Structures are given as structure tokens and as C-alpha cells.
Amino acid sequence: MPLDGSPLAEEALDPAGHLSRLWAADVTLLQVVYPVLLVTDPALPLPSAYDEELTNACREQAKDYLGGIAEGMRAKGIRASGVAVVGWNAAESILQAARPEQVSLIVLATHGRGGLRRLALGSVADKLVRAGDVPVLVCHPSGKASTKKRSPRQTTSSRRGDARRAR
């Protein structure tokens, strides 16, 4: 289940959890971490490298975030784990991780954009549905979720709240 750190993406946690219980299946949470780019030569129009140390720090932060979400799911009796991968393209990275021999379903939330906005911005969900080798369950948000990503401090406090509610 791909998560980008936003409350919108987390809207798919409940449906994924329900399906996990019905099928007695494990949930793997995935976050794609984009490499932190370096501009090493001002004459080049595009960055020529990425900073491995900063990228690894971002990956560790993503692993902490996913670990907290997985902990909350485990408190509800759902077998869950998290993995953070480094990738240049979210949809391609998700598709690489979601091979049919390892994954039976991808669950994610979507903005539900259509028309020109989808054409201009692209859609990870659309790419997964069209190019994936496994079924994709696309959840539409309830309207309460924001697309704004949480800061690490907000994520930690919300996980604590989830753990308290789960008890």
C-alpha cells in the first residue's frame, strides 16, 4: 500500500485493513523517496547527481513514518510492515515493488482529479491501474483529508493518538 505521508493517502488504511482481516493477508506499506538532487556543474541544465547521505536520511525518516503506521495497524490485529524505496518515479517504483508473485492487491487513495488537471499533473493511481500486473483498489477520500504532507512532529503525535485509540 503506497503512502506519501499525506492524510489523503492514509484514507486507504481502513479499507486495506478490512481486506487484510478478511483475507488473513499481510499489509506492506510503501513510500517512494525521491533522491535529493545536487547541482554539481552550473553549466549543466539538469542536476547531475544526488546526495546519498541526504537521500538516506529522507529514507530513514520515511521508514520511521511507515513503522509508526504499521505499529498502529498491528495494534488493531493487522499484520503490517513498512518499506521505503528510493526512486525517481513514484508509479514505476510502486510497480517494481508490486510484482504478482509477492503482492495480490494495491490499495491507494486518490485525489480523483479528472480532465485537464489529471492530464497536466498525471496520476499515480491511473498509471498503476493501467500498467500494473496486480489489481488496484482506488479509494476516494471522504473529503476530510488534506493533501498536505505531515511534518515529522505531526506524524509522531498522530501515531501516538492512533495507538491510544487502538487500546
C-alpha atoms as a PDB file:
ATOM      1  CA  MET A   1       0.000   0.000   0.000  1.00  0.00           C
ATOM      2  CA  PRO A   2       1.707   3.223  -1.162  1.00  0.00           C
ATOM      3  CA  LEU A   3       1.765   6.155   1.272  1.00  0.00           C
ATOM      4  CA  ASP A   4       3.244   9.577   0.645  1.00  0.00           C
ATOM      5  CA  GLY A   5       2.867  10.975   4.164  1.00  0.00           C
ATOM      6  CA  SER A   6      -0.364  12.845   3.496  1.00  0.00           C
ATOM      7  CA  PRO A   7      -3.673  12.374   5.316  1.00  0.00           C
ATOM      8  CA  LEU A   8      -5.247  11.764   1.892  1.00  0.00           C
ATOM      9  CA  ALA A   9      -3.035   8.726   1.291  1.00  0.00           C
ATOM     10  CA  GLU A  10      -3.809   7.454   4.798  1.00  0.00           C
ATOM     11  CA  GLU A  11      -7.532   7.374   3.911  1.00  0.00           C
ATOM     12  CA  ALA A  12      -6.851   3.996   2.282  1.00  0.00           C
ATOM     13  CA  LEU A  13      -5.564   2.456   5.535  1.00  0.00           C
ATOM     14  CA  ASP A  14      -9.011   1.423   6.790  1.00  0.00           C
ATOM     15  CA  PRO A  15     -10.103  -0.328   3.559  1.00  0.00           C
ATOM     16  CA  ALA A  16      -6.706  -2.046   3.364  1.00  0.00           C
ATOM     17  CA  GLY A  17      -7.035  -3.136   6.979  1.00  0.00           C
ATOM     18  CA  HIS A  18     -10.533  -4.535   6.439  1.00  0.00           C
ATOM     19  CA  LEU A  19      -9.408  -6.516   3.392  1.00  0.00           C
ATOM     20  CA  SER A  20      -6.361  -7.737   5.271  1.00  0.00           C
ATOM     21  CA  ARG A  21      -8.572  -9.145   8.013  1.00  0.00           C
ATOM     22  CA  LEU A  22     -10.945 -10.778   5.511  1.00  0.00           C
ATOM     23  CA  TRP A  23      -8.140 -12.450   3.572  1.00  0.00           C
ATOM     24  CA  ALA A  24      -5.797 -13.018   6.545  1.00  0.00           C
ATOM     25  CA  ALA A  25      -3.226 -11.139   4.456  1.00  0.00           C
ATOM     26  CA  ASP A  26      -0.189  -9.068   5.343  1.00  0.00           C
ATOM     27  CA  VAL A  27      -0.126  -5.358   4.555  1.00  0.00           C
ATOM     28  CA  THR A  28       3.089  -3.881   3.229  1.00  0.00           C
ATOM     29  CA  LEU A  29       3.251  -0.106   3.416  1.00  0.00           C
ATOM     30  CA  LEU A  30       5.494   1.512   0.826  1.00  0.00           C
ATOM     31  CA  GLN A  31       6.854   5.014   0.471  1.00  0.00           C
ATOM     32  CA  VAL A  32       8.892   6.178  -2.500  1.00  0.00           C
ATOM     33  CA  VAL A  33      11.654   8.587  -1.505  1.00  0.00           C
ATOM     34  CA  TYR A  34      12.877  10.875  -4.243  1.00  0.00           C
ATOM     35  CA  PRO A  35      16.663  11.347  -4.407  1.00  0.00           C
ATOM     36  CA  VAL A  36      17.927  14.686  -3.075  1.00  0.00           C
ATOM     37  CA  LEU A  37      19.471  16.242  -6.165  1.00  0.00           C
ATOM     38  CA  LEU A  38      22.785  18.071  -6.382  1.00  0.00           C
ATOM     39  CA  VAL A  39      23.765  20.603  -8.982  1.00  0.00           C
ATOM     40  CA  THR A  40      27.482  19.985  -9.380  1.00  0.00           C
ATOM     41  CA  ASP A  41      28.119  21.982 -12.537  1.00  0.00           C
ATOM     42  CA  PRO A  42      26.307  25.284 -13.159  1.00  0.00           C
ATOM     43  CA  ALA A  43      26.735  24.789 -16.922  1.00  0.00           C
ATOM     44  CA  LEU A  44      24.523  21.691 -16.867  1.00  0.00           C
ATOM     45  CA  PRO A  45      20.790  22.353 -17.255  1.00  0.00           C
ATOM     46  CA  LEU A  46      19.833  19.425 -15.012  1.00  0.00           C
ATOM     47  CA  PRO A  47      21.277  18.057 -11.786  1.00  0.00           C
ATOM     48  CA  SER A  48      23.991  15.532 -12.500  1.00  0.00           C
ATOM     49  CA  ALA A  49      23.965  13.609  -9.226  1.00  0.00           C
ATOM     50  CA  TYR A  50      22.130  13.112  -5.988  1.00  0.00           C
ATOM     51  CA  ASP A  51      23.278  13.340  -2.404  1.00  0.00           C
ATOM     52  CA  GLU A  52      23.314   9.815  -0.993  1.00  0.00           C
ATOM     53  CA  GLU A  53      23.645  10.945   2.618  1.00  0.00           C
ATOM     54  CA  LEU A  54      20.660  13.309   2.461  1.00  0.00           C
ATOM     55  CA  THR A  55      18.652  10.796   0.447  1.00  0.00           C
ATOM     56  CA  ASN A  56      19.374   8.093   3.047  1.00  0.00           C
ATOM     57  CA  ALA A  57      18.305  10.493   5.814  1.00  0.00           C
ATOM     58  CA  CYS A  58      14.999  11.037   3.979  1.00  0.00           C
ATOM     59  CA  ARG A  59      14.648   7.277   3.546  1.00  0.00           C
ATOM     60  CA  GLU A  60      15.190   6.725   7.282  1.00  0.00           C
ATOM     61  CA  GLN A  61      12.555   9.361   8.046  1.00  0.00           C
ATOM     62  CA  ALA A  62      10.142   7.573   5.691  1.00  0.00           C
ATOM     63  CA  LYS A  63      10.918   4.235   7.378  1.00  0.00           C
ATOM     64  CA  ASP A  64      10.129   5.792  10.775  1.00  0.00           C
ATOM     65  CA  TYR A  65       6.834   7.145   9.443  1.00  0.00           C
ATOM     66  CA  LEU A  66       5.868   3.782   7.950  1.00  0.00           C
ATOM     67  CA  GLY A  67       6.969   1.978  11.100  1.00  0.00           C
ATOM     68  CA  GLY A  68       4.600   4.115  13.162  1.00  0.00           C
ATOM     69  CA  ILE A  69       1.698   3.468  10.799  1.00  0.00           C
ATOM     70  CA  ALA A  70       2.474  -0.269  10.774  1.00  0.00           C
ATOM     71  CA  GLU A  71       2.626  -0.261  14.584  1.00  0.00           C
ATOM     72  CA  GLY A  72      -0.840   1.283  14.726  1.00  0.00           C
ATOM     73  CA  MET A  73      -2.166  -1.358  12.326  1.00  0.00           C
ATOM     74  CA  ARG A  74      -0.567  -4.177  14.325  1.00  0.00           C
ATOM     75  CA  ALA A  75      -2.265  -2.790  17.447  1.00  0.00           C
ATOM     76  CA  LYS A  76      -5.547  -3.423  15.586  1.00  0.00           C
ATOM     77  CA  GLY A  77      -4.584  -7.019  14.836  1.00  0.00           C
ATOM     78  CA  ILE A  78      -3.364  -6.447  11.265  1.00  0.00           C
ATOM     79  CA  ARG A  79      -0.031  -7.902  10.161  1.00  0.00           C
ATOM     80  CA  ALA A  80       1.742  -4.873   8.731  1.00  0.00           C
ATOM     81  CA  SER A  81       5.245  -3.787   7.836  1.00  0.00           C
ATOM     82  CA  GLY A  82       6.765  -0.847   6.014  1.00  0.00           C
ATOM     83  CA  VAL A  83       9.438  -0.321   3.399  1.00  0.00           C
ATOM     84  CA  ALA A  84      10.897   2.863   1.939  1.00  0.00           C
ATOM     85  CA  VAL A  85      12.500   2.742  -1.503  1.00  0.00           C
ATOM     86  CA  VAL A  86      14.464   5.353  -3.400  1.00  0.00           C
ATOM     87  CA  GLY A  87      13.072   6.086  -6.835  1.00  0.00           C
ATOM     88  CA  TRP A  88      12.802   8.784  -9.468  1.00  0.00           C
ATOM     89  CA  ASN A  89       9.194   7.983 -10.382  1.00  0.00           C
ATOM     90  CA  ALA A  90       6.536   7.001  -7.823  1.00  0.00           C
ATOM     91  CA  ALA A  91       4.377   4.913 -10.160  1.00  0.00           C
ATOM     92  CA  GLU A  92       7.317   2.989 -11.626  1.00  0.00           C
ATOM     93  CA  SER A  93       8.795   2.341  -8.178  1.00  0.00           C
ATOM     94  CA  ILE A  94       5.451   1.061  -6.884  1.00  0.00           C
ATOM     95  CA  LEU A  95       5.028  -1.181  -9.920  1.00  0.00           C
ATOM     96  CA  GLN A  96       8.513  -2.629  -9.409  1.00  0.00           C
ATOM     97  CA  ALA A  97       7.686  -3.445  -5.784  1.00  0.00           C
ATOM     98  CA  ALA A  98       4.233  -4.846  -6.606  1.00  0.00           C
ATOM     99  CA  ARG A  99       5.162  -7.970  -8.505  1.00  0.00           C
ATOM    100  CA  PRO A 100       2.368 -10.564  -8.764  1.00  0.00           C
ATOM    101  CA  GLU A 101       4.405 -13.249  -7.004  1.00  0.00           C
ATOM    102  CA  GLN A 102       4.683 -11.002  -3.923  1.00  0.00           C
ATOM    103  CA  VAL A 103       1.614  -8.751  -3.988  1.00  0.00           C
ATOM    104  CA  SER A 104      -2.016  -9.638  -4.602  1.00  0.00           C
ATOM    105  CA  LEU A 105      -3.567  -6.150  -4.407  1.00  0.00           C
ATOM    106  CA  ILE A 106      -2.514  -2.496  -4.361  1.00  0.00           C
ATOM    107  CA  VAL A 107      -4.707  -0.214  -2.253  1.00  0.00           C
ATOM    108  CA  LEU A 108      -4.345   3.553  -2.503  1.00  0.00           C
ATOM    109  CA  ALA A 109      -6.278   6.761  -2.156  1.00  0.00           C
ATOM    110  CA  THR A 110      -6.559   9.271  -4.976  1.00  0.00           C
ATOM    111  CA  HIS A 111      -7.427  12.902  -5.455  1.00  0.00           C
ATOM    112  CA  GLY A 112      -9.985  11.928  -8.063  1.00  0.00           C
ATOM    113  CA  ARG A 113      -8.806  14.597 -10.483  1.00  0.00           C
ATOM    114  CA  GLY A 114     -10.125  14.485 -13.979  1.00  0.00           C
ATOM    115  CA  GLY A 115      -9.798  16.309 -17.248  1.00  0.00           C
ATOM    116  CA  LEU A 116      -7.047  18.867 -17.709  1.00  0.00           C
ATOM    117  CA  ARG A 117      -5.800  18.688 -14.113  1.00  0.00           C
ATOM    118  CA  ARG A 118      -5.133  14.963 -14.474  1.00  0.00           C
ATOM    119  CA  LEU A 119      -3.575  15.471 -17.883  1.00  0.00           C
ATOM    120  CA  ALA A 120      -1.286  18.207 -16.578  1.00  0.00           C
ATOM    121  CA  LEU A 121      -0.344  16.606 -13.262  1.00  0.00           C
ATOM    122  CA  GLY A 122      -0.532  12.934 -14.162  1.00  0.00           C
ATOM    123  CA  SER A 123      -1.951  10.363 -11.832  1.00  0.00           C
ATOM    124  CA  VAL A 124      -0.058   7.685  -9.964  1.00  0.00           C
ATOM    125  CA  ALA A 125      -3.331   5.798  -9.475  1.00  0.00           C
ATOM    126  CA  ASP A 126      -4.092   5.954 -13.201  1.00  0.00           C
ATOM    127  CA  LYS A 127      -0.618   4.666 -14.076  1.00  0.00           C
ATOM    128  CA  LEU A 128      -0.933   1.810 -11.571  1.00  0.00           C
ATOM    129  CA  VAL A 129      -4.359   0.796 -12.873  1.00  0.00           C
ATOM    130  CA  ARG A 130      -3.228   0.863 -16.490  1.00  0.00           C
ATOM    131  CA  ALA A 131       0.246  -0.665 -16.151  1.00  0.00           C
ATOM    132  CA  GLY A 132       0.016  -2.880 -13.081  1.00  0.00           C
ATOM    133  CA  ASP A 133       0.111  -6.649 -13.136  1.00  0.00           C
ATOM    134  CA  VAL A 134      -1.976  -6.873  -9.941  1.00  0.00           C
ATOM    135  CA  PRO A 135      -5.444  -5.487  -9.169  1.00  0.00           C
ATOM    136  CA  VAL A 136      -5.644  -1.943  -7.797  1.00  0.00           C
ATOM    137  CA  LEU A 137      -8.273  -0.742  -5.330  1.00  0.00           C
ATOM    138  CA  VAL A 138      -8.609   3.032  -5.614  1.00  0.00           C
ATOM    139  CA  CYS A 139     -10.248   4.718  -2.631  1.00  0.00           C
ATOM    140  CA  HIS A 140     -11.757   8.160  -2.937  1.00  0.00           C
ATOM    141  CA  PRO A 141     -11.221  10.453   0.045  1.00  0.00           C
ATOM    142  CA  SER A 142     -14.030  11.236   2.448  1.00  0.00           C
ATOM    143  CA  GLY A 143     -13.476  14.948   1.965  1.00  0.00           C
ATOM    144  CA  LYS A 144     -11.867  15.431   5.372  1.00  0.00           C
ATOM    145  CA  ALA A 145      -8.355  14.557   4.258  1.00  0.00           C
ATOM    146  CA  SER A 146      -5.844  17.131   3.202  1.00  0.00           C
ATOM    147  CA  THR A 147      -3.186  16.609   0.563  1.00  0.00           C
ATOM    148  CA  LYS A 148      -0.666  18.444   2.741  1.00  0.00           C
ATOM    149  CA  LYS A 149       2.089  16.157   3.989  1.00  0.00           C
ATOM    150  CA  ARG A 150       2.557  15.979   7.718  1.00  0.00           C
ATOM    151  CA  SER A 151       5.702  17.208   9.363  1.00  0.00           C
ATOM    152  CA  PRO A 152       7.621  14.550  11.315  1.00  0.00           C
ATOM    153  CA  ARG A 153       6.326  16.107  14.544  1.00  0.00           C
ATOM    154  CA  GLN A 154       2.688  15.897  13.406  1.00  0.00           C
ATOM    155  CA  THR A 155       3.182  12.331  12.237  1.00  0.00           C
ATOM    156  CA  THR A 156       4.624  11.262  15.593  1.00  0.00           C
ATOM    157  CA  SER A 157       1.843  12.874  17.601  1.00  0.00           C
ATOM    158  CA  SER A 158      -0.866  11.439  15.350  1.00  0.00           C
ATOM    159  CA  ARG A 159       0.645   7.951  15.680  1.00  0.00           C
ATOM    160  CA  ARG A 160       0.578   8.282  19.447  1.00  0.00           C
ATOM    161  CA  GLY A 161      -3.079   9.253  19.202  1.00  0.00           C
ATOM    162  CA  ASP A 162      -3.775   6.234  16.993  1.00  0.00           C
ATOM    163  CA  ALA A 163      -2.037   3.949  19.467  1.00  0.00           C
ATOM    164  CA  ARG A 164      -4.085   5.389  22.342  1.00  0.00           C
ATOM    165  CA  ARG A 165      -7.324   4.923  20.409  1.00  0.00           C
ATOM    166  CA  ALA A 166      -6.377   1.344  19.500  1.00  0.00           C
ATOM    167  CA  ARG A 167      -6.031   0.360  23.172  1.00  0.00           C
END
